[in-house]
Amino acid sequence: MQIAYRARDLAEAHIVAGLLQSRGIETHVGGHYLQGAMGEIGAAGFTNVHVEDEDYVQARALVAEYEAATPPATPSDEVEDRANRYATWFLLFLAVVMVVLFGAL
């Protein structure tokens, strides 16, 4: 078996493994029992997606497509941006109220 993809974490490794399996490539995700030993150990290169030697070239081509794809903007991104704006204005309002209250003392 060869490493077709080095993931940042287990979730990403399983996403790539699912992509490869949907194309008929058998995969093995390594690093399950190492996760949590040192926190984000996936960044250290222990969370990998392995494929059989004969599937390696096709798997790498699919992984390259996955890495090149840019995710489209989702409505949740817009909601998160709006929430961040509201939070910023709320904190600014609280700061002004605090200055006014403590300035009056």
C-alpha atoms as a PDB file:
ATOM      1  CA  MET A   1       0.000   0.000   0.000  1.00  0.00           C
ATOM      2  CA  GLN A   2       1.078   3.543  -0.737  1.00  0.00           C
ATOM      3  CA  ILE A   3       0.082   6.852   0.773  1.00  0.00           C
ATOM      4  CA  ALA A   4      -2.193   8.633  -1.679  1.00  0.00           C
ATOM      5  CA  TYR A   5      -3.010  11.570   0.591  1.00  0.00           C
ATOM      6  CA  ARG A   6      -1.684  13.111   3.805  1.00  0.00           C
ATOM      7  CA  ALA A   7      -4.624  14.731   5.560  1.00  0.00           C
ATOM      8  CA  ARG A   8      -4.731  17.483   8.160  1.00  0.00           C
ATOM      9  CA  ASP A   9      -7.135  15.490  10.334  1.00  0.00           C
ATOM     10  CA  LEU A  10      -9.257  12.352  10.375  1.00  0.00           C
ATOM     11  CA  ALA A  11     -12.342  14.073   8.980  1.00  0.00           C
ATOM     12  CA  GLU A  12     -10.487  15.224   5.885  1.00  0.00           C
ATOM     13  CA  ALA A  13      -8.881  11.804   5.490  1.00  0.00           C
ATOM     14  CA  HIS A  14     -12.302  10.166   5.471  1.00  0.00           C
ATOM     15  CA  ILE A  15     -13.629  12.685   2.957  1.00  0.00           C
ATOM     16  CA  VAL A  16     -10.811  11.843   0.549  1.00  0.00           C
ATOM     17  CA  ALA A  17     -11.168   8.123   1.257  1.00  0.00           C
ATOM     18  CA  GLY A  18     -14.879   8.373   0.456  1.00  0.00           C
ATOM     19  CA  LEU A  19     -14.097  10.160  -2.786  1.00  0.00           C
ATOM     20  CA  LEU A  20     -11.684   7.423  -3.802  1.00  0.00           C
ATOM     21  CA  GLN A  21     -14.049   4.642  -2.738  1.00  0.00           C
ATOM     22  CA  SER A  22     -16.831   6.201  -4.817  1.00  0.00           C
ATOM     23  CA  ARG A  23     -14.544   5.698  -7.819  1.00  0.00           C
ATOM     24  CA  GLY A  24     -13.930   2.041  -6.973  1.00  0.00           C
ATOM     25  CA  ILE A  25     -10.570   2.437  -5.234  1.00  0.00           C
ATOM     26  CA  GLU A  26     -10.161   0.545  -1.952  1.00  0.00           C
ATOM     27  CA  THR A  27      -8.671   2.724   0.788  1.00  0.00           C
ATOM     28  CA  HIS A  28      -7.370   2.496   4.319  1.00  0.00           C
ATOM     29  CA  VAL A  29      -7.262   5.506   6.620  1.00  0.00           C
ATOM     30  CA  GLY A  30      -4.428   5.365   9.104  1.00  0.00           C
ATOM     31  CA  GLY A  31      -3.952   7.309  12.298  1.00  0.00           C
ATOM     32  CA  HIS A  32      -7.220   6.612  14.123  1.00  0.00           C
ATOM     33  CA  TYR A  33      -5.584   5.575  17.369  1.00  0.00           C
ATOM     34  CA  LEU A  34      -2.988   8.313  17.241  1.00  0.00           C
ATOM     35  CA  GLN A  35      -5.549  11.106  17.095  1.00  0.00           C
ATOM     36  CA  GLY A  36      -5.888  12.684  20.491  1.00  0.00           C
ATOM     37  CA  ALA A  37      -2.564  11.411  21.783  1.00  0.00           C
ATOM     38  CA  MET A  38      -1.039  14.765  21.005  1.00  0.00           C
ATOM     39  CA  GLY A  39      -4.118  16.791  20.049  1.00  0.00           C
ATOM     40  CA  GLU A  40      -3.936  17.741  16.381  1.00  0.00           C
ATOM     41  CA  ILE A  41      -1.521  14.984  15.480  1.00  0.00           C
ATOM     42  CA  GLY A  42      -2.885  14.875  11.919  1.00  0.00           C
ATOM     43  CA  ALA A  43      -0.721  17.872  11.110  1.00  0.00           C
ATOM     44  CA  ALA A  44       2.329  15.778  12.000  1.00  0.00           C
ATOM     45  CA  GLY A  45       1.676  13.457   9.053  1.00  0.00           C
ATOM     46  CA  PHE A  46       0.119  10.482  10.808  1.00  0.00           C
ATOM     47  CA  THR A  47      -3.349  10.756   9.267  1.00  0.00           C
ATOM     48  CA  ASN A  48      -2.954   9.232   5.824  1.00  0.00           C
ATOM     49  CA  VAL A  49      -5.108   7.663   3.139  1.00  0.00           C
ATOM     50  CA  HIS A  50      -3.507   4.498   1.796  1.00  0.00           C
ATOM     51  CA  VAL A  51      -4.344   2.750  -1.493  1.00  0.00           C
ATOM     52  CA  GLU A  52      -3.140  -0.407  -3.202  1.00  0.00           C
ATOM     53  CA  ASP A  53      -0.060  -0.039  -5.387  1.00  0.00           C
ATOM     54  CA  GLU A  54      -1.972  -0.646  -8.627  1.00  0.00           C
ATOM     55  CA  ASP A  55      -4.509   2.095  -7.767  1.00  0.00           C
ATOM     56  CA  TYR A  56      -1.940   4.714  -6.747  1.00  0.00           C
ATOM     57  CA  VAL A  57      -1.739   6.618 -10.054  1.00  0.00           C
ATOM     58  CA  GLN A  58      -5.519   6.896 -10.425  1.00  0.00           C
ATOM     59  CA  ALA A  59      -5.883   7.825  -6.751  1.00  0.00           C
ATOM     60  CA  ARG A  60      -3.282  10.590  -7.033  1.00  0.00           C
ATOM     61  CA  ALA A  61      -5.078  12.003 -10.085  1.00  0.00           C
ATOM     62  CA  LEU A  62      -8.359  12.123  -8.134  1.00  0.00           C
ATOM     63  CA  VAL A  63      -6.619  13.665  -5.118  1.00  0.00           C
ATOM     64  CA  ALA A  64      -5.099  16.326  -7.381  1.00  0.00           C
ATOM     65  CA  GLU A  65      -8.601  17.193  -8.633  1.00  0.00           C
ATOM     66  CA  TYR A  66      -9.819  17.358  -5.033  1.00  0.00           C
ATOM     67  CA  GLU A  67      -6.977  19.664  -4.013  1.00  0.00           C
ATOM     68  CA  ALA A  68      -7.482  21.936  -7.038  1.00  0.00           C
ATOM     69  CA  ALA A  69     -11.218  22.357  -6.448  1.00  0.00           C
ATOM     70  CA  THR A  70     -12.296  25.492  -4.649  1.00  0.00           C
ATOM     71  CA  PRO A  71     -15.441  25.208  -2.591  1.00  0.00           C
ATOM     72  CA  PRO A  72     -18.254  27.510  -3.680  1.00  0.00           C
ATOM     73  CA  ALA A  73     -19.532  30.126  -1.296  1.00  0.00           C
ATOM     74  CA  THR A  74     -22.303  28.712   0.814  1.00  0.00           C
ATOM     75  CA  PRO A  75     -25.221  30.510   2.414  1.00  0.00           C
ATOM     76  CA  SER A  76     -23.777  29.598   5.821  1.00  0.00           C
ATOM     77  CA  ASP A  77     -20.736  31.769   5.012  1.00  0.00           C
ATOM     78  CA  GLU A  78     -23.040  34.749   4.486  1.00  0.00           C
ATOM     79  CA  VAL A  79     -24.868  34.018   7.748  1.00  0.00           C
ATOM     80  CA  GLU A  80     -21.551  33.752   9.585  1.00  0.00           C
ATOM     81  CA  ASP A  81     -20.360  37.074   8.122  1.00  0.00           C
ATOM     82  CA  ARG A  82     -23.603  38.741   9.202  1.00  0.00           C
ATOM     83  CA  ALA A  83     -23.278  37.273  12.700  1.00  0.00           C
ATOM     84  CA  ASN A  84     -19.704  38.529  12.957  1.00  0.00           C
ATOM     85  CA  ARG A  85     -20.807  42.035  11.922  1.00  0.00           C
ATOM     86  CA  TYR A  86     -23.583  42.028  14.540  1.00  0.00           C
ATOM     87  CA  ALA A  87     -21.182  40.787  17.203  1.00  0.00           C
ATOM     88  CA  THR A  88     -18.679  43.512  16.325  1.00  0.00           C
ATOM     89  CA  TRP A  89     -21.295  46.251  16.525  1.00  0.00           C
ATOM     90  CA  PHE A  90     -22.676  44.822  19.774  1.00  0.00           C
ATOM     91  CA  LEU A  91     -19.234  44.817  21.377  1.00  0.00           C
ATOM     92  CA  LEU A  92     -18.622  48.364  20.167  1.00  0.00           C
ATOM     93  CA  PHE A  93     -21.977  49.426  21.653  1.00  0.00           C
ATOM     94  CA  LEU A  94     -21.077  47.784  24.974  1.00  0.00           C
ATOM     95  CA  ALA A  95     -17.723  49.549  25.005  1.00  0.00           C
ATOM     96  CA  VAL A  96     -19.412  52.917  24.443  1.00  0.00           C
ATOM     97  CA  VAL A  97     -21.955  52.210  27.219  1.00  0.00           C
ATOM     98  CA  MET A  98     -19.136  51.232  29.583  1.00  0.00           C
ATOM     99  CA  VAL A  99     -17.226  54.440  28.808  1.00  0.00           C
ATOM    100  CA  VAL A 100     -20.355  56.524  29.380  1.00  0.00           C
ATOM    101  CA  LEU A 101     -21.222  54.738  32.647  1.00  0.00           C
ATOM    102  CA  PHE A 102     -17.729  54.839  34.089  1.00  0.00           C
ATOM    103  CA  GLY A 103     -17.185  58.359  32.816  1.00  0.00           C
ATOM    104  CA  ALA A 104     -20.263  59.488  34.754  1.00  0.00           C
ATOM    105  CA  LEU A 105     -18.841  58.164  38.026  1.00  0.00           C
END
